[in-house]
N, C-alpha and C. Protein backbone atom coordinates (compact mmCIF):
# COMPACT_ATOMS: atom_id res chain seq x y z
N UNK A 1 -111.99 -16.29 13.76
CA UNK A 1 -111.70 -14.94 14.10
C UNK A 1 -111.10 -14.80 15.50
N UNK A 2 -111.35 -15.76 16.34
CA UNK A 2 -110.80 -15.72 17.68
C UNK A 2 -109.27 -15.72 17.67
N UNK A 3 -108.69 -16.40 16.71
CA UNK A 3 -107.24 -16.56 16.66
C UNK A 3 -106.53 -15.42 15.94
N UNK A 4 -107.27 -14.42 15.49
CA UNK A 4 -106.66 -13.32 14.75
C UNK A 4 -105.62 -12.57 15.60
N UNK A 5 -105.89 -12.22 16.86
CA UNK A 5 -104.85 -11.52 17.65
C UNK A 5 -103.60 -12.39 17.83
N UNK A 6 -103.79 -13.66 18.00
CA UNK A 6 -102.66 -14.56 18.14
C UNK A 6 -101.85 -14.61 16.85
N UNK A 7 -102.54 -14.64 15.72
CA UNK A 7 -101.87 -14.68 14.42
C UNK A 7 -101.07 -13.40 14.19
N UNK A 8 -101.62 -12.25 14.57
CA UNK A 8 -100.91 -10.98 14.41
C UNK A 8 -99.69 -10.94 15.33
N UNK A 9 -99.84 -11.44 16.54
CA UNK A 9 -98.73 -11.46 17.49
C UNK A 9 -97.59 -12.35 16.98
N UNK A 10 -97.91 -13.51 16.47
CA UNK A 10 -96.89 -14.41 15.93
C UNK A 10 -96.20 -13.79 14.71
N UNK A 11 -96.94 -13.11 13.87
CA UNK A 11 -96.35 -12.47 12.70
C UNK A 11 -95.38 -11.37 13.13
N UNK A 12 -95.74 -10.63 14.17
CA UNK A 12 -94.87 -9.56 14.68
C UNK A 12 -93.57 -10.14 15.20
N UNK A 13 -93.64 -11.22 15.97
CA UNK A 13 -92.43 -11.84 16.50
C UNK A 13 -91.55 -12.40 15.39
N UNK A 14 -92.17 -12.97 14.38
CA UNK A 14 -91.36 -13.54 13.30
C UNK A 14 -90.65 -12.43 12.53
N UNK A 15 -91.26 -11.26 12.39
CA UNK A 15 -90.60 -10.13 11.74
C UNK A 15 -89.44 -9.62 12.59
N UNK A 16 -89.63 -9.59 13.90
CA UNK A 16 -88.56 -9.12 14.79
C UNK A 16 -87.39 -10.08 14.77
N UNK A 17 -87.66 -11.35 14.61
CA UNK A 17 -86.59 -12.34 14.60
C UNK A 17 -85.77 -12.22 13.32
N UNK A 18 -86.39 -11.68 12.26
CA UNK A 18 -85.68 -11.53 10.99
C UNK A 18 -85.13 -10.12 10.82
N UNK A 19 -85.06 -9.33 11.87
CA UNK A 19 -84.60 -7.94 11.77
C UNK A 19 -83.19 -7.89 11.22
N UNK A 20 -82.93 -6.87 10.43
CA UNK A 20 -81.63 -6.69 9.80
C UNK A 20 -80.76 -5.80 10.69
N UNK A 21 -79.46 -6.03 10.65
CA UNK A 21 -78.50 -5.22 11.37
C UNK A 21 -77.72 -4.42 10.33
N UNK A 22 -77.56 -3.13 10.61
CA UNK A 22 -76.84 -2.25 9.69
C UNK A 22 -75.59 -1.72 10.35
N UNK A 23 -74.57 -1.54 9.53
CA UNK A 23 -73.29 -1.01 9.99
C UNK A 23 -73.07 0.32 9.29
N UNK A 24 -72.72 1.35 10.05
CA UNK A 24 -72.46 2.66 9.44
C UNK A 24 -71.37 3.38 10.21
N UNK A 25 -70.71 4.30 9.56
CA UNK A 25 -69.60 5.05 10.14
C UNK A 25 -70.00 6.52 10.22
N UNK A 26 -69.77 7.12 11.40
CA UNK A 26 -70.13 8.53 11.57
C UNK A 26 -69.01 9.44 11.04
N UNK A 27 -69.19 10.74 11.19
CA UNK A 27 -68.23 11.73 10.66
C UNK A 27 -66.86 11.62 11.31
N UNK A 28 -66.81 11.11 12.56
CA UNK A 28 -65.54 10.96 13.27
C UNK A 28 -64.84 9.65 12.92
N UNK A 29 -65.43 8.86 12.11
CA UNK A 29 -64.83 7.60 11.71
C UNK A 29 -65.17 6.45 12.66
N UNK A 30 -66.09 6.69 13.58
CA UNK A 30 -66.50 5.67 14.54
C UNK A 30 -67.55 4.76 13.90
N UNK A 31 -67.35 3.44 14.06
CA UNK A 31 -68.27 2.47 13.47
C UNK A 31 -69.42 2.20 14.44
N UNK A 32 -70.63 2.19 13.90
CA UNK A 32 -71.83 1.93 14.71
C UNK A 32 -72.63 0.80 14.07
N UNK A 33 -73.40 0.12 14.92
CA UNK A 33 -74.32 -0.92 14.45
C UNK A 33 -75.71 -0.55 14.93
N UNK A 34 -76.69 -0.79 14.08
CA UNK A 34 -78.06 -0.42 14.44
C UNK A 34 -79.03 -1.35 13.74
N UNK A 35 -80.26 -1.33 14.21
CA UNK A 35 -81.30 -2.11 13.54
C UNK A 35 -82.01 -1.28 12.48
N UNK A 36 -81.58 -0.02 12.31
CA UNK A 36 -82.14 0.86 11.28
C UNK A 36 -80.99 1.42 10.45
N UNK A 37 -81.21 1.53 9.17
CA UNK A 37 -80.18 2.06 8.27
C UNK A 37 -80.05 3.56 8.52
N UNK A 38 -78.85 4.01 8.82
CA UNK A 38 -78.60 5.42 9.03
C UNK A 38 -77.66 5.87 7.92
N UNK A 39 -78.07 6.88 7.22
CA UNK A 39 -77.22 7.39 6.13
C UNK A 39 -76.93 6.30 5.12
N UNK A 40 -75.64 6.00 4.96
CA UNK A 40 -75.23 4.97 4.00
C UNK A 40 -74.96 3.65 4.72
N UNK A 41 -75.77 3.34 5.69
CA UNK A 41 -75.60 2.10 6.44
C UNK A 41 -75.69 0.88 5.55
N UNK A 42 -74.77 -0.03 5.75
CA UNK A 42 -74.73 -1.25 4.96
C UNK A 42 -75.30 -2.41 5.78
N UNK A 43 -76.10 -3.25 5.18
CA UNK A 43 -76.61 -4.40 5.92
C UNK A 43 -75.48 -5.37 6.26
N UNK A 44 -75.53 -5.89 7.46
CA UNK A 44 -74.53 -6.86 7.92
C UNK A 44 -75.20 -8.21 8.00
N UNK A 45 -74.60 -9.20 7.42
CA UNK A 45 -75.15 -10.55 7.46
C UNK A 45 -74.48 -11.29 8.60
N UNK A 46 -75.24 -11.54 9.63
CA UNK A 46 -74.72 -12.26 10.79
C UNK A 46 -74.81 -13.75 10.56
N UNK A 47 -73.78 -14.48 10.96
CA UNK A 47 -73.85 -15.94 10.79
C UNK A 47 -74.91 -16.52 11.73
N UNK A 48 -75.46 -17.59 11.31
CA UNK A 48 -76.45 -18.27 12.14
C UNK A 48 -75.80 -18.77 13.41
N UNK A 49 -76.56 -18.81 14.47
CA UNK A 49 -76.04 -19.33 15.74
C UNK A 49 -75.65 -20.78 15.57
N UNK A 50 -74.53 -21.16 16.19
CA UNK A 50 -74.17 -22.58 16.08
C UNK A 50 -75.19 -23.43 16.82
N UNK A 51 -75.38 -24.63 16.38
CA UNK A 51 -76.35 -25.49 17.07
C UNK A 51 -75.88 -25.79 18.49
N UNK A 52 -76.82 -26.00 19.35
CA UNK A 52 -76.50 -26.31 20.74
C UNK A 52 -75.76 -27.63 20.83
N UNK A 53 -74.82 -27.68 21.75
CA UNK A 53 -74.04 -28.90 21.98
C UNK A 53 -74.94 -29.90 22.71
N UNK A 54 -75.23 -31.04 22.13
CA UNK A 54 -76.13 -31.99 22.78
C UNK A 54 -75.56 -32.55 24.09
N UNK A 55 -74.24 -32.55 24.22
CA UNK A 55 -73.63 -33.10 25.43
C UNK A 55 -73.50 -32.05 26.54
N UNK A 56 -73.83 -30.79 26.23
CA UNK A 56 -73.64 -29.72 27.22
C UNK A 56 -74.49 -29.96 28.47
N UNK A 57 -75.72 -30.38 28.29
CA UNK A 57 -76.59 -30.63 29.44
C UNK A 57 -76.04 -31.71 30.35
N UNK A 58 -75.51 -32.76 29.75
CA UNK A 58 -74.92 -33.86 30.53
C UNK A 58 -73.70 -33.38 31.30
N UNK A 59 -72.83 -32.61 30.61
CA UNK A 59 -71.62 -32.10 31.28
C UNK A 59 -71.99 -31.16 32.42
N UNK A 60 -73.00 -30.32 32.17
CA UNK A 60 -73.45 -29.39 33.21
C UNK A 60 -73.96 -30.15 34.43
N UNK A 61 -74.72 -31.20 34.21
CA UNK A 61 -75.23 -32.00 35.33
C UNK A 61 -74.09 -32.68 36.08
N UNK A 62 -73.09 -33.18 35.34
CA UNK A 62 -71.94 -33.81 35.97
C UNK A 62 -71.19 -32.80 36.85
N UNK A 63 -71.04 -31.58 36.34
CA UNK A 63 -70.37 -30.54 37.12
C UNK A 63 -71.17 -30.18 38.37
N UNK A 64 -72.49 -30.12 38.23
CA UNK A 64 -73.34 -29.84 39.41
C UNK A 64 -73.19 -30.96 40.44
N UNK A 65 -73.20 -32.19 39.98
CA UNK A 65 -73.03 -33.33 40.90
C UNK A 65 -71.68 -33.27 41.59
N UNK A 66 -70.65 -32.92 40.84
CA UNK A 66 -69.30 -32.82 41.41
C UNK A 66 -69.26 -31.71 42.45
N UNK A 67 -69.88 -30.58 42.14
CA UNK A 67 -69.92 -29.46 43.08
C UNK A 67 -70.66 -29.86 44.35
N UNK A 68 -71.80 -30.52 44.19
CA UNK A 68 -72.56 -30.97 45.37
C UNK A 68 -71.75 -31.97 46.19
N UNK A 69 -71.04 -32.87 45.50
CA UNK A 69 -70.20 -33.84 46.21
C UNK A 69 -69.09 -33.16 46.98
N UNK A 70 -68.48 -32.15 46.36
CA UNK A 70 -67.41 -31.42 47.04
C UNK A 70 -67.95 -30.68 48.27
N UNK A 71 -69.14 -30.11 48.15
CA UNK A 71 -69.74 -29.41 49.29
C UNK A 71 -70.03 -30.40 50.41
N UNK A 72 -70.55 -31.57 50.06
CA UNK A 72 -70.83 -32.58 51.08
C UNK A 72 -69.55 -33.02 51.77
N UNK A 73 -68.47 -33.22 50.99
CA UNK A 73 -67.19 -33.62 51.57
C UNK A 73 -66.67 -32.55 52.53
N UNK A 74 -66.79 -31.28 52.14
CA UNK A 74 -66.33 -30.20 53.02
C UNK A 74 -67.14 -30.18 54.32
N UNK A 75 -68.46 -30.38 54.20
CA UNK A 75 -69.31 -30.38 55.39
C UNK A 75 -68.95 -31.57 56.30
N UNK A 76 -68.71 -32.73 55.71
CA UNK A 76 -68.32 -33.90 56.50
C UNK A 76 -66.98 -33.67 57.18
N UNK A 77 -66.01 -33.09 56.45
CA UNK A 77 -64.71 -32.79 57.04
C UNK A 77 -64.85 -31.81 58.19
N UNK A 78 -65.71 -30.81 58.02
CA UNK A 78 -65.92 -29.82 59.07
C UNK A 78 -66.51 -30.49 60.31
N UNK A 79 -67.49 -31.37 60.11
CA UNK A 79 -68.09 -32.07 61.25
C UNK A 79 -67.07 -32.96 61.96
N UNK A 80 -66.22 -33.65 61.17
CA UNK A 80 -65.19 -34.50 61.76
C UNK A 80 -64.22 -33.67 62.59
N UNK A 81 -63.78 -32.54 62.03
CA UNK A 81 -62.82 -31.71 62.76
C UNK A 81 -63.45 -31.12 64.02
N UNK A 82 -64.74 -30.77 63.95
CA UNK A 82 -65.43 -30.28 65.15
C UNK A 82 -65.52 -31.37 66.21
N UNK A 83 -65.81 -32.59 65.76
CA UNK A 83 -65.90 -33.71 66.70
C UNK A 83 -64.54 -33.99 67.33
N UNK A 84 -63.50 -33.98 66.48
CA UNK A 84 -62.15 -34.22 67.00
C UNK A 84 -61.74 -33.11 67.96
N UNK A 85 -62.12 -31.87 67.65
CA UNK A 85 -61.79 -30.75 68.53
C UNK A 85 -62.51 -30.91 69.87
N UNK A 86 -63.75 -31.37 69.82
CA UNK A 86 -64.50 -31.60 71.05
C UNK A 86 -63.89 -32.72 71.89
N UNK A 87 -63.47 -33.79 71.22
CA UNK A 87 -62.84 -34.91 71.93
C UNK A 87 -61.51 -34.47 72.53
N UNK A 88 -60.74 -33.69 71.79
CA UNK A 88 -59.46 -33.20 72.28
C UNK A 88 -59.66 -32.28 73.47
N UNK A 89 -60.68 -31.43 73.39
CA UNK A 89 -60.97 -30.53 74.52
C UNK A 89 -61.35 -31.33 75.75
N UNK A 90 -62.12 -32.39 75.59
CA UNK A 90 -62.49 -33.25 76.70
C UNK A 90 -61.25 -33.92 77.31
N UNK A 91 -60.38 -34.40 76.43
CA UNK A 91 -59.15 -35.04 76.88
C UNK A 91 -58.26 -34.03 77.61
N UNK A 92 -58.18 -32.81 77.11
CA UNK A 92 -57.38 -31.77 77.76
C UNK A 92 -57.90 -31.49 79.16
N UNK A 93 -59.22 -31.42 79.30
CA UNK A 93 -59.81 -31.17 80.62
C UNK A 93 -59.46 -32.29 81.59
N UNK A 94 -59.52 -33.53 81.13
CA UNK A 94 -59.19 -34.67 82.00
C UNK A 94 -57.73 -34.63 82.42
N UNK A 95 -56.83 -34.33 81.49
CA UNK A 95 -55.40 -34.29 81.81
C UNK A 95 -55.12 -33.13 82.77
N UNK A 96 -55.78 -31.98 82.54
CA UNK A 96 -55.59 -30.84 83.44
C UNK A 96 -56.04 -31.19 84.86
N UNK A 97 -57.20 -31.85 84.97
CA UNK A 97 -57.70 -32.27 86.29
C UNK A 97 -56.74 -33.25 86.95
N UNK A 98 -56.24 -34.19 86.18
CA UNK A 98 -55.33 -35.19 86.74
C UNK A 98 -54.02 -34.54 87.19
N UNK A 99 -53.50 -33.60 86.37
CA UNK A 99 -52.28 -32.89 86.73
C UNK A 99 -52.48 -32.08 88.00
N UNK A 100 -53.63 -31.43 88.11
CA UNK A 100 -53.93 -30.66 89.32
C UNK A 100 -53.97 -31.59 90.54
N UNK A 101 -54.55 -32.77 90.36
CA UNK A 101 -54.57 -33.74 91.46
C UNK A 101 -53.16 -34.17 91.84
N UNK A 102 -52.31 -34.40 90.87
CA UNK A 102 -50.92 -34.77 91.15
C UNK A 102 -50.21 -33.64 91.90
N UNK A 103 -50.47 -32.39 91.49
CA UNK A 103 -49.80 -31.25 92.12
C UNK A 103 -50.32 -31.01 93.54
N UNK A 104 -51.60 -31.28 93.78
CA UNK A 104 -52.22 -30.99 95.09
C UNK A 104 -51.93 -32.07 96.14
N UNK A 105 -51.61 -33.28 95.71
CA UNK A 105 -51.43 -34.38 96.66
C UNK A 105 -49.96 -34.80 96.72
N UNK A 106 -49.55 -35.14 97.91
CA UNK A 106 -48.16 -35.55 98.10
C UNK A 106 -47.88 -36.91 97.52
N UNK A 107 -48.63 -37.88 97.97
CA UNK A 107 -48.41 -39.24 97.49
C UNK A 107 -49.54 -39.62 96.55
N UNK A 108 -49.15 -40.26 95.47
CA UNK A 108 -50.12 -40.66 94.45
C UNK A 108 -50.12 -42.19 94.38
N UNK A 109 -51.35 -42.73 94.39
CA UNK A 109 -51.48 -44.18 94.31
C UNK A 109 -52.17 -44.55 93.01
N UNK A 110 -51.74 -45.67 92.45
CA UNK A 110 -52.40 -46.22 91.27
C UNK A 110 -52.77 -47.65 91.59
N UNK A 111 -53.83 -48.11 90.95
CA UNK A 111 -54.26 -49.49 91.12
C UNK A 111 -53.46 -50.36 90.16
N UNK A 112 -52.86 -51.43 90.70
CA UNK A 112 -52.12 -52.35 89.86
C UNK A 112 -52.44 -53.76 90.35
N UNK A 113 -53.07 -54.55 89.47
CA UNK A 113 -53.47 -55.92 89.82
C UNK A 113 -54.34 -55.95 91.07
N UNK A 114 -55.23 -54.95 91.18
CA UNK A 114 -56.15 -54.91 92.31
C UNK A 114 -55.53 -54.38 93.59
N UNK A 115 -54.29 -53.97 93.56
CA UNK A 115 -53.64 -53.43 94.76
C UNK A 115 -53.28 -51.98 94.54
N UNK A 116 -53.26 -51.24 95.62
CA UNK A 116 -52.87 -49.84 95.57
C UNK A 116 -51.35 -49.77 95.64
N UNK A 117 -50.76 -49.09 94.63
CA UNK A 117 -49.31 -48.94 94.57
C UNK A 117 -49.01 -47.45 94.57
N UNK A 118 -48.16 -47.01 95.53
CA UNK A 118 -47.80 -45.60 95.60
C UNK A 118 -46.61 -45.32 94.68
N UNK A 119 -46.72 -44.20 93.97
CA UNK A 119 -45.65 -43.81 93.05
C UNK A 119 -44.52 -43.14 93.83
N UNK A 120 -43.29 -43.43 93.43
CA UNK A 120 -42.18 -42.72 94.04
C UNK A 120 -42.08 -41.34 93.39
N UNK A 121 -41.27 -40.46 93.93
CA UNK A 121 -41.18 -39.08 93.46
C UNK A 121 -40.72 -39.00 92.01
N UNK A 122 -39.79 -39.85 91.60
CA UNK A 122 -39.28 -39.81 90.22
C UNK A 122 -40.39 -40.17 89.22
N UNK A 123 -41.16 -41.22 89.55
CA UNK A 123 -42.25 -41.65 88.64
C UNK A 123 -43.34 -40.59 88.60
N UNK A 124 -43.65 -39.99 89.76
CA UNK A 124 -44.66 -38.93 89.81
C UNK A 124 -44.21 -37.75 88.95
N UNK A 125 -42.94 -37.35 89.08
CA UNK A 125 -42.42 -36.22 88.30
C UNK A 125 -42.44 -36.54 86.80
N UNK A 126 -42.13 -37.77 86.43
CA UNK A 126 -42.13 -38.17 85.03
C UNK A 126 -43.56 -38.10 84.45
N UNK A 127 -44.54 -38.61 85.20
CA UNK A 127 -45.92 -38.55 84.74
C UNK A 127 -46.41 -37.11 84.62
N UNK A 128 -46.03 -36.28 85.59
CA UNK A 128 -46.43 -34.87 85.53
C UNK A 128 -45.79 -34.18 84.31
N UNK A 129 -44.56 -34.52 84.00
CA UNK A 129 -43.88 -33.95 82.83
C UNK A 129 -44.59 -34.38 81.54
N UNK A 130 -45.03 -35.64 81.48
CA UNK A 130 -45.78 -36.12 80.31
C UNK A 130 -47.09 -35.35 80.16
N UNK A 131 -47.78 -35.15 81.27
CA UNK A 131 -49.06 -34.43 81.22
C UNK A 131 -48.85 -32.99 80.78
N UNK A 132 -47.83 -32.32 81.32
CA UNK A 132 -47.55 -30.94 80.91
C UNK A 132 -47.19 -30.87 79.43
N UNK A 133 -46.42 -31.84 78.97
CA UNK A 133 -46.04 -31.87 77.56
C UNK A 133 -47.27 -32.05 76.67
N UNK A 134 -48.17 -32.96 77.06
CA UNK A 134 -49.39 -33.17 76.31
C UNK A 134 -50.22 -31.90 76.26
N UNK A 135 -50.35 -31.24 77.41
CA UNK A 135 -51.15 -30.00 77.46
C UNK A 135 -50.51 -28.91 76.59
N UNK A 136 -49.20 -28.82 76.64
CA UNK A 136 -48.50 -27.79 75.86
C UNK A 136 -48.66 -28.03 74.36
N UNK A 137 -48.60 -29.27 73.93
CA UNK A 137 -48.67 -29.61 72.50
C UNK A 137 -50.10 -29.57 71.96
N UNK A 138 -51.09 -29.92 72.79
CA UNK A 138 -52.44 -30.13 72.27
C UNK A 138 -53.51 -29.19 72.78
N UNK A 139 -53.25 -28.49 73.87
CA UNK A 139 -54.37 -27.82 74.53
C UNK A 139 -54.23 -26.31 74.62
N UNK A 140 -53.26 -25.72 73.99
CA UNK A 140 -53.15 -24.26 74.13
C UNK A 140 -53.40 -23.55 72.85
């Protein structure tokens, strides 16, 4: 007797699953569908649902994996571009400082083979032009 409510509940669900669908037309000629026969409603026999595709779960998982992989790739690309942007910004700062030093000082010396070598005006101007070009192309 304990299982009687459960038995009634299961019987109710099984009846609902077998519910009939009726098709009827109103006075305006509009077609309606209902679970109750209205007027001269005709029962409609619906085809059974097609069986589930057994490979659908596998394909869905493959698509999820692909989506996750694409997201990871985008995140990695974003991190790389941020790192490259940071490195470029650092390089820009160094070139700007060096250019300012060239502009502020008359004679510029470089170490060559352990000796100090002073740049002539033409070489200094050429190096400054290279630095300005780098800054213009990469740092603005």
